[in-house]
Amino acid sequence: MGFDQKRKRAGRRTMSAIAGLVAAATLVSPLVAYAGTGGGGSGTGDGTADGTTVPMMDLPVWSMCWELLFSLMLPLYVLLARDVRVVVPSMLAVMVFAQWVNWLPLQHMAVFAIGVALAYHHVSGRGAALSGGWVVIACLVCVATMVQSGFGLLPSCLSEPLGVAGAAGLVYVATGDNVVSRLLSCRPLAHLGAISFSLYLTHLPVRDLLGQFVHVPGRGPVLMLVMLAVAELFYQLVEKPSIMLSHRVRESCMSLR
């Protein structure tokens, strides 16, 4: 296959991914707006500069709402978001646009696409080809890119995509055989990774509930410990049984073929 053909194929994949994500975000937007307004009324959540509300951000279970919507769109992601070299830069560009026009569903759809592409890259056995001092330099650059979004140094339409780019870069570096992947493979961090999805789903409800009752100096570490404990329970009681059930369902379906 010649260079021009490869470039055309890459262009078609990019346009297909962008078109699919825009379509998904368009479909999701009414659902998000409905959830964010409590089913048709005015939202009561975080305000924007023009006095409107940010959809779904007023819900303590907003992460679960997004995850449900993402799960419904997962087949589309698996079909389109495979080539990390195409998906990551194109979705970062989509994020810049989504931040600029304040289109929250499209922004989250783009972030999810990057995650799917990184996961596909990892399970395909293609790790980062970095070693030695380059790994350390890459990690420092990624961490700096991630944390800059918390200091307000750049407009949000740039700082948020750059933060995601830093996180994606750090994940990419960790897919290789290097000191970063070995560090992240130690048992405490590996277990934290195992329960991270449960932590993502439950951390805001725990924070919002306990934040009403815990009013002591330095309450951050206390809330963090409770969040980790709740995430561990959720992982053991909900996530692991759900994964095992999905495996049994898959095996049953395969046996019927």
Protein backbone atom coordinates (compact mmCIF):
# COMPACT_ATOMS: atom_id res chain seq x y z
CA MET A 1 0.00 0.00 0.00
CA GLY A 2 1.43 3.36 -1.03
CA PHE A 3 1.86 6.41 1.16
CA ASP A 4 -1.09 8.23 -0.45
CA GLN A 5 -3.40 5.28 0.15
CA LYS A 6 -2.33 5.04 3.78
CA ARG A 7 -2.92 8.76 4.22
CA LYS A 8 -6.39 8.44 2.67
CA ARG A 9 -7.24 5.52 4.95
CA ALA A 10 -6.07 7.46 8.00
CA GLY A 11 -8.15 10.43 6.88
CA ARG A 12 -11.25 8.27 6.45
CA ARG A 13 -10.76 6.74 9.92
CA THR A 14 -10.37 10.18 11.43
CA MET A 15 -13.49 11.55 9.77
CA SER A 16 -15.47 8.42 10.68
CA ALA A 17 -14.44 8.71 14.32
CA ILE A 18 -15.28 12.41 14.49
CA ALA A 19 -18.60 11.95 12.71
CA GLY A 20 -19.54 9.06 14.98
CA LEU A 21 -18.68 10.98 18.13
CA VAL A 22 -20.55 14.08 17.03
CA ALA A 23 -23.57 11.92 16.24
CA ALA A 24 -23.29 10.20 19.61
CA ALA A 25 -22.98 13.52 21.44
CA THR A 26 -25.97 14.86 19.53
CA LEU A 27 -28.06 11.88 20.59
CA VAL A 28 -26.85 12.08 24.18
CA SER A 29 -27.37 15.83 24.60
CA PRO A 30 -31.17 15.70 25.13
CA LEU A 31 -30.76 12.90 27.69
CA VAL A 32 -28.10 14.87 29.52
CA ALA A 33 -30.20 18.01 29.57
CA TYR A 34 -33.21 16.03 30.82
CA ALA A 35 -31.17 14.42 33.62
CA GLY A 36 -29.54 17.70 34.57
CA THR A 37 -32.88 19.45 35.00
CA GLY A 38 -34.38 16.71 37.13
CA GLY A 39 -36.74 15.60 34.40
CA GLY A 40 -37.85 18.79 32.73
CA GLY A 41 -37.52 21.62 35.24
CA SER A 42 -34.78 24.16 35.75
CA GLY A 43 -31.41 22.80 36.80
CA THR A 44 -30.02 23.71 40.18
CA GLY A 45 -26.40 22.91 39.58
CA ASP A 46 -23.20 24.78 38.92
CA GLY A 47 -23.69 28.00 36.99
CA THR A 48 -21.88 29.17 33.89
CA ALA A 49 -20.85 32.68 32.98
CA ASP A 50 -24.13 33.37 31.19
CA GLY A 51 -26.25 32.23 34.14
CA THR A 52 -27.27 28.86 32.73
CA THR A 53 -26.66 25.53 34.43
CA VAL A 54 -24.13 22.88 33.55
CA PRO A 55 -26.11 19.73 32.64
CA MET A 56 -25.84 16.83 35.07
CA MET A 57 -23.28 18.57 37.27
CA ASP A 58 -25.97 19.16 39.89
CA LEU A 59 -26.45 15.41 40.33
CA PRO A 60 -24.38 13.60 42.98
CA VAL A 61 -24.45 10.52 40.74
CA TRP A 62 -23.36 12.37 37.61
CA SER A 63 -20.48 9.95 37.01
CA MET A 64 -22.88 7.00 36.94
CA CYS A 65 -25.11 8.85 34.46
CA TRP A 66 -22.19 9.49 32.14
CA GLU A 67 -20.99 5.91 32.49
CA LEU A 68 -24.42 4.57 31.56
CA LEU A 69 -24.52 6.76 28.45
CA PHE A 70 -20.96 5.79 27.55
CA SER A 71 -21.80 2.09 27.94
CA LEU A 72 -24.67 2.49 25.49
CA MET A 73 -22.25 4.02 22.99
CA LEU A 74 -19.43 1.52 23.62
CA PRO A 75 -20.03 -0.60 20.49
CA LEU A 76 -19.59 2.52 18.37
CA TYR A 77 -16.35 3.34 20.17
CA VAL A 78 -14.97 -0.18 19.77
CA LEU A 79 -15.74 0.02 16.05
CA LEU A 80 -14.19 3.46 15.44
CA ALA A 81 -11.66 4.28 18.16
CA ARG A 82 -8.90 1.77 17.49
CA ASP A 83 -5.86 3.58 16.10
CA VAL A 84 -4.37 5.59 18.95
CA ARG A 85 -2.27 7.63 16.49
CA VAL A 86 -5.45 8.86 14.79
CA VAL A 87 -7.90 8.96 17.67
CA VAL A 88 -5.88 10.86 20.29
CA PRO A 89 -4.93 13.94 18.22
CA SER A 90 -8.30 14.13 16.48
CA MET A 91 -10.25 13.80 19.74
CA LEU A 92 -8.06 16.42 21.44
CA ALA A 93 -9.02 18.76 18.60
CA VAL A 94 -12.67 17.84 19.17
CA MET A 95 -12.20 18.66 22.87
CA VAL A 96 -10.87 22.11 22.02
CA PHE A 97 -13.96 22.75 19.92
CA ALA A 98 -16.30 21.32 22.59
CA GLN A 99 -14.73 23.51 25.27
CA TRP A 100 -14.97 26.55 23.02
CA VAL A 101 -18.70 26.08 22.36
CA ASN A 102 -19.38 24.71 25.87
CA TRP A 103 -20.75 21.40 24.54
CA LEU A 104 -20.17 19.11 27.52
CA PRO A 105 -21.48 15.82 26.02
CA LEU A 106 -19.13 16.09 23.03
CA GLN A 107 -16.21 16.77 25.36
CA HIS A 108 -16.89 13.64 27.41
CA MET A 109 -17.49 11.56 24.30
CA ALA A 110 -14.04 12.59 23.03
CA VAL A 111 -12.37 11.70 26.34
CA PHE A 112 -14.03 8.28 26.33
CA ALA A 113 -12.81 7.70 22.76
CA ILE A 114 -9.23 8.38 23.85
CA GLY A 115 -9.62 5.89 26.68
CA VAL A 116 -10.95 3.20 24.33
CA ALA A 117 -8.08 3.79 21.88
CA LEU A 118 -5.50 3.49 24.66
CA ALA A 119 -7.14 0.32 25.95
CA TYR A 120 -7.17 -1.20 22.45
CA HIS A 121 -3.52 -0.23 22.03
CA HIS A 122 -2.65 -1.93 25.33
CA VAL A 123 -4.52 -5.19 24.75
CA SER A 124 -3.01 -5.39 21.26
CA GLY A 125 0.39 -5.77 22.91
CA ARG A 126 1.89 -2.62 21.43
CA GLY A 127 3.68 -0.86 24.28
CA ALA A 128 5.53 2.45 24.32
CA ALA A 129 9.05 2.17 22.87
CA LEU A 130 10.70 4.37 25.49
CA SER A 131 13.50 3.51 27.89
CA GLY A 132 16.03 5.05 30.22
CA GLY A 133 16.03 8.79 30.74
CA TRP A 134 13.43 9.38 28.03
CA VAL A 135 10.83 7.66 30.21
CA VAL A 136 11.50 10.06 33.09
CA ILE A 137 11.43 13.09 30.79
CA ALA A 138 8.18 11.93 29.17
CA CYS A 139 6.58 11.38 32.59
CA LEU A 140 7.60 14.81 33.86
CA VAL A 141 6.20 16.46 30.72
CA CYS A 142 2.94 14.51 31.05
CA VAL A 143 2.54 15.34 34.74
CA ALA A 144 3.26 19.02 34.11
CA THR A 145 0.73 19.03 31.29
CA MET A 146 -1.85 17.41 33.55
CA VAL A 147 -1.47 19.71 36.57
CA GLN A 148 -1.36 22.97 34.59
CA SER A 149 -5.15 22.80 34.20
CA GLY A 150 -5.53 23.39 37.94
CA PHE A 151 -3.67 26.71 37.92
CA GLY A 152 -5.72 28.60 35.33
CA LEU A 153 -2.67 29.53 33.27
CA LEU A 154 -4.43 28.95 29.96
CA PRO A 155 -7.98 29.34 28.67
CA SER A 156 -10.14 26.33 29.50
CA CYS A 157 -10.51 25.45 25.82
CA LEU A 158 -6.76 24.70 25.88
CA SER A 159 -6.01 23.72 29.47
CA GLU A 160 -8.60 20.92 29.65
CA PRO A 161 -7.50 19.18 26.40
CA LEU A 162 -3.86 19.58 27.43
CA GLY A 163 -4.64 17.96 30.80
CA VAL A 164 -6.26 15.03 29.03
CA ALA A 165 -3.27 14.83 26.66
CA GLY A 166 -0.95 14.61 29.66
CA ALA A 167 -3.01 11.83 31.24
CA ALA A 168 -3.16 9.94 27.94
CA GLY A 169 0.60 10.33 27.50
CA LEU A 170 1.24 8.97 30.98
CA VAL A 171 -0.96 5.94 30.28
CA TYR A 172 0.83 5.41 26.97
CA VAL A 173 4.25 5.51 28.64
CA ALA A 174 3.08 2.99 31.24
CA THR A 175 2.15 0.48 28.50
CA GLY A 176 5.84 -0.12 27.77
CA ASP A 177 8.40 -2.19 29.65
CA ASN A 178 10.05 0.53 31.68
CA VAL A 179 10.48 1.85 35.20
CA VAL A 180 7.07 3.56 35.15
CA SER A 181 5.17 0.40 34.25
CA ARG A 182 7.08 -1.56 36.91
CA LEU A 183 6.35 1.09 39.52
CA LEU A 184 2.66 1.13 38.67
CA SER A 185 2.61 -2.69 38.79
CA CYS A 186 3.40 -2.87 42.52
CA ARG A 187 0.59 -4.48 44.50
CA PRO A 188 -0.86 -1.37 46.23
CA LEU A 189 -1.04 0.65 43.01
CA ALA A 190 -2.25 -2.35 41.00
CA HIS A 191 -5.11 -2.83 43.46
CA LEU A 192 -5.89 0.87 43.35
CA GLY A 193 -6.16 0.48 39.59
CA ALA A 194 -8.47 -2.49 40.04
CA ILE A 195 -10.92 -0.50 42.17
CA SER A 196 -10.48 2.75 40.24
CA PHE A 197 -13.70 2.30 38.27
CA SER A 198 -15.67 1.77 41.49
CA LEU A 199 -13.91 4.80 42.98
CA TYR A 200 -14.86 6.87 39.94
CA LEU A 201 -18.50 5.85 40.27
CA THR A 202 -18.85 6.41 44.02
CA HIS A 203 -16.50 9.22 45.02
CA LEU A 204 -18.87 12.13 44.41
CA PRO A 205 -21.88 10.67 46.27
CA VAL A 206 -19.59 9.94 49.23
CA ARG A 207 -18.06 13.41 49.13
CA ASP A 208 -21.41 15.17 48.87
CA LEU A 209 -22.99 13.08 51.63
CA LEU A 210 -20.15 13.24 54.14
CA GLY A 211 -19.30 16.82 53.27
CA GLN A 212 -22.52 17.86 54.98
CA PHE A 213 -21.49 16.29 58.30
CA VAL A 214 -17.69 16.36 58.44
CA HIS A 215 -16.56 19.87 59.34
CA VAL A 216 -13.09 19.41 60.83
CA PRO A 217 -9.73 20.85 59.80
CA GLY A 218 -7.93 18.62 57.35
CA ARG A 219 -11.05 16.66 56.46
CA GLY A 220 -9.63 15.87 53.01
CA PRO A 221 -7.66 12.78 54.15
CA VAL A 222 -10.69 11.54 56.10
CA LEU A 223 -12.93 11.85 53.05
CA MET A 224 -10.29 10.15 50.92
CA LEU A 225 -10.09 7.16 53.24
CA VAL A 226 -13.88 6.82 53.32
CA MET A 227 -14.02 7.09 49.51
CA LEU A 228 -11.45 4.30 49.20
CA ALA A 229 -13.36 2.12 51.68
CA VAL A 230 -16.67 2.62 49.86
CA ALA A 231 -14.97 1.96 46.52
CA GLU A 232 -13.52 -1.29 47.89
CA LEU A 233 -16.97 -2.42 49.06
CA PHE A 234 -18.53 -1.46 45.73
CA TYR A 235 -15.80 -3.35 43.90
CA GLN A 236 -16.25 -6.53 45.96
CA LEU A 237 -20.06 -6.49 46.13
CA VAL A 238 -21.05 -5.02 42.75
CA GLU A 239 -18.27 -4.73 40.19
CA LYS A 240 -16.61 -8.16 40.56
CA PRO A 241 -19.91 -10.09 40.62
CA SER A 242 -21.05 -8.08 37.57
CA ILE A 243 -17.86 -8.97 35.69
CA MET A 244 -18.25 -12.64 36.60
CA LEU A 245 -21.88 -12.55 35.46
CA SER A 246 -20.88 -11.00 32.13
CA HIS A 247 -18.33 -13.79 31.62
CA ARG A 248 -20.97 -16.44 32.30
CA VAL A 249 -23.39 -14.75 29.90
CA ARG A 250 -20.70 -14.58 27.21
CA GLU A 251 -19.83 -18.25 27.67
CA SER A 252 -23.52 -19.19 27.47
CA CYS A 253 -23.96 -17.17 24.28
CA MET A 254 -20.83 -18.71 22.75
CA SER A 255 -22.08 -22.20 23.52
CA LEU A 256 -25.25 -21.50 21.55
CA ARG A 257 -23.39 -20.67 18.35
